[in-house]
Amino acid sequence: MNVLLYLIPIALFLGGLGLVGFIWSLRSGQYDDLEGAAWRILQDDDKPRP
């Protein structure tokens, strides 16, 4: 049972770290253009080599 004294704070810290990372990604615009990459891969803009 003593190991819970270590594991609970570590789990809370890692959960908070994940939450901070998620909030950072929201504020930095990581999720602004969700469909852009899906359409970009379909575009055939490769130029033929001479």
N, C-alpha and C. Protein backbone atom coordinates (compact mmCIF):
# COMPACT_ATOMS: atom_id res chain seq x y z
N MET A 1 0.81 -1.21 0.00
CA MET A 1 0.00 0.00 0.00
C MET A 1 0.85 1.26 0.00
N ASN A 2 2.08 1.13 0.46
CA ASN A 2 2.94 2.31 0.49
C ASN A 2 3.31 2.77 -0.91
N VAL A 3 3.27 1.86 -1.86
CA VAL A 3 3.64 2.22 -3.23
C VAL A 3 2.61 3.18 -3.84
N LEU A 4 1.38 3.18 -3.32
CA LEU A 4 0.36 4.11 -3.81
C LEU A 4 0.71 5.55 -3.47
N LEU A 5 1.48 5.74 -2.41
CA LEU A 5 1.91 7.10 -2.06
C LEU A 5 2.84 7.68 -3.13
N TYR A 6 3.49 6.82 -3.90
CA TYR A 6 4.35 7.28 -4.98
C TYR A 6 3.61 7.30 -6.32
N LEU A 7 2.78 6.30 -6.55
CA LEU A 7 2.14 6.15 -7.86
C LEU A 7 1.04 7.18 -8.12
N ILE A 8 0.29 7.54 -7.12
CA ILE A 8 -0.81 8.51 -7.32
C ILE A 8 -0.27 9.89 -7.69
N PRO A 9 0.73 10.44 -7.00
CA PRO A 9 1.26 11.74 -7.44
C PRO A 9 1.92 11.68 -8.82
N ILE A 10 2.60 10.58 -9.12
CA ILE A 10 3.22 10.44 -10.44
C ILE A 10 2.14 10.41 -11.52
N ALA A 11 1.05 9.67 -11.28
CA ALA A 11 -0.03 9.60 -12.26
C ALA A 11 -0.71 10.96 -12.43
N LEU A 12 -0.91 11.69 -11.35
CA LEU A 12 -1.50 13.02 -11.44
C LEU A 12 -0.58 13.98 -12.20
N PHE A 13 0.72 13.87 -11.96
CA PHE A 13 1.67 14.72 -12.66
C PHE A 13 1.68 14.43 -14.16
N LEU A 14 1.69 13.15 -14.53
CA LEU A 14 1.70 12.79 -15.94
C LEU A 14 0.39 13.18 -16.62
N GLY A 15 -0.73 13.04 -15.92
CA GLY A 15 -2.01 13.48 -16.47
C GLY A 15 -2.05 14.98 -16.67
N GLY A 16 -1.53 15.72 -15.72
CA GLY A 16 -1.46 17.18 -15.86
C GLY A 16 -0.52 17.59 -16.99
N LEU A 17 0.57 16.87 -17.16
CA LEU A 17 1.49 17.14 -18.25
C LEU A 17 0.82 16.90 -19.60
N GLY A 18 0.04 15.84 -19.70
CA GLY A 18 -0.70 15.58 -20.93
C GLY A 18 -1.74 16.65 -21.19
N LEU A 19 -2.40 17.12 -20.16
CA LEU A 19 -3.40 18.18 -20.31
C LEU A 19 -2.76 19.48 -20.76
N VAL A 20 -1.61 19.81 -20.20
CA VAL A 20 -0.89 21.01 -20.61
C VAL A 20 -0.47 20.89 -22.07
N GLY A 21 0.00 19.73 -22.48
CA GLY A 21 0.38 19.53 -23.88
C GLY A 21 -0.80 19.65 -24.81
N PHE A 22 -1.95 19.15 -24.41
CA PHE A 22 -3.15 19.25 -25.23
C PHE A 22 -3.61 20.69 -25.36
N ILE A 23 -3.60 21.43 -24.26
CA ILE A 23 -4.01 22.84 -24.29
C ILE A 23 -3.03 23.65 -25.13
N TRP A 24 -1.73 23.33 -25.04
CA TRP A 24 -0.75 24.02 -25.88
C TRP A 24 -1.03 23.76 -27.37
N SER A 25 -1.36 22.52 -27.71
CA SER A 25 -1.62 22.21 -29.12
C SER A 25 -2.89 22.91 -29.61
N LEU A 26 -3.87 23.08 -28.76
CA LEU A 26 -5.07 23.82 -29.15
C LEU A 26 -4.75 25.29 -29.40
N ARG A 27 -3.97 25.89 -28.52
CA ARG A 27 -3.66 27.32 -28.65
C ARG A 27 -2.71 27.62 -29.79
N SER A 28 -1.89 26.64 -30.17
CA SER A 28 -0.92 26.91 -31.24
C SER A 28 -1.49 26.60 -32.62
N GLY A 29 -2.75 26.16 -32.69
CA GLY A 29 -3.41 25.98 -33.98
C GLY A 29 -3.16 24.65 -34.64
N GLN A 30 -2.87 23.62 -33.88
CA GLN A 30 -2.61 22.31 -34.46
C GLN A 30 -3.85 21.69 -35.08
N TYR A 31 -5.03 22.07 -34.63
CA TYR A 31 -6.27 21.45 -35.10
C TYR A 31 -7.10 22.39 -35.97
N ASP A 32 -6.49 23.43 -36.51
CA ASP A 32 -7.25 24.40 -37.30
C ASP A 32 -7.69 23.85 -38.65
N ASP A 33 -6.83 23.15 -39.35
CA ASP A 33 -7.12 22.67 -40.70
C ASP A 33 -7.10 21.15 -40.71
N LEU A 34 -8.21 20.53 -40.32
CA LEU A 34 -8.25 19.08 -40.22
C LEU A 34 -8.38 18.39 -41.57
N GLU A 35 -9.00 19.04 -42.54
CA GLU A 35 -9.21 18.40 -43.82
C GLU A 35 -8.18 18.81 -44.87
N GLY A 36 -7.35 19.75 -44.57
CA GLY A 36 -6.36 20.23 -45.53
C GLY A 36 -5.36 19.15 -45.92
N ALA A 37 -4.88 18.41 -44.95
CA ALA A 37 -3.90 17.36 -45.25
C ALA A 37 -4.54 16.22 -46.04
N ALA A 38 -5.80 15.95 -45.79
CA ALA A 38 -6.48 14.88 -46.53
C ALA A 38 -6.63 15.24 -48.00
N TRP A 39 -6.89 16.51 -48.29
CA TRP A 39 -7.02 16.93 -49.69
C TRP A 39 -5.66 17.15 -50.33
N ARG A 40 -4.69 17.57 -49.55
CA ARG A 40 -3.36 17.85 -50.08
C ARG A 40 -2.69 16.60 -50.61
N ILE A 41 -2.94 15.45 -49.99
CA ILE A 41 -2.31 14.22 -50.43
C ILE A 41 -2.88 13.75 -51.77
N LEU A 42 -4.09 14.18 -52.09
CA LEU A 42 -4.73 13.77 -53.34
C LEU A 42 -4.31 14.64 -54.52
N GLN A 43 -3.73 15.79 -54.27
CA GLN A 43 -3.33 16.67 -55.36
C GLN A 43 -2.10 16.10 -56.07
N ASP A 44 -2.17 16.12 -57.38
CA ASP A 44 -1.07 15.61 -58.17
C ASP A 44 -0.28 16.79 -58.73
N ASP A 45 0.60 17.32 -57.93
CA ASP A 45 1.36 18.48 -58.36
C ASP A 45 2.81 18.13 -58.67
N ASP A 46 3.09 16.85 -58.87
CA ASP A 46 4.43 16.45 -59.23
C ASP A 46 4.70 16.80 -60.69
N LYS A 47 5.84 17.41 -60.92
CA LYS A 47 6.21 17.78 -62.28
C LYS A 47 7.01 16.63 -62.90
N PRO A 48 6.72 16.24 -64.11
CA PRO A 48 7.48 15.16 -64.73
C PRO A 48 8.94 15.59 -64.97
N ARG A 49 9.82 14.66 -64.79
CA ARG A 49 11.24 14.96 -65.00
C ARG A 49 11.57 14.90 -66.48
N PRO A 50 12.42 15.79 -66.95
CA PRO A 50 12.78 15.79 -68.39
C PRO A 50 13.69 14.63 -68.77
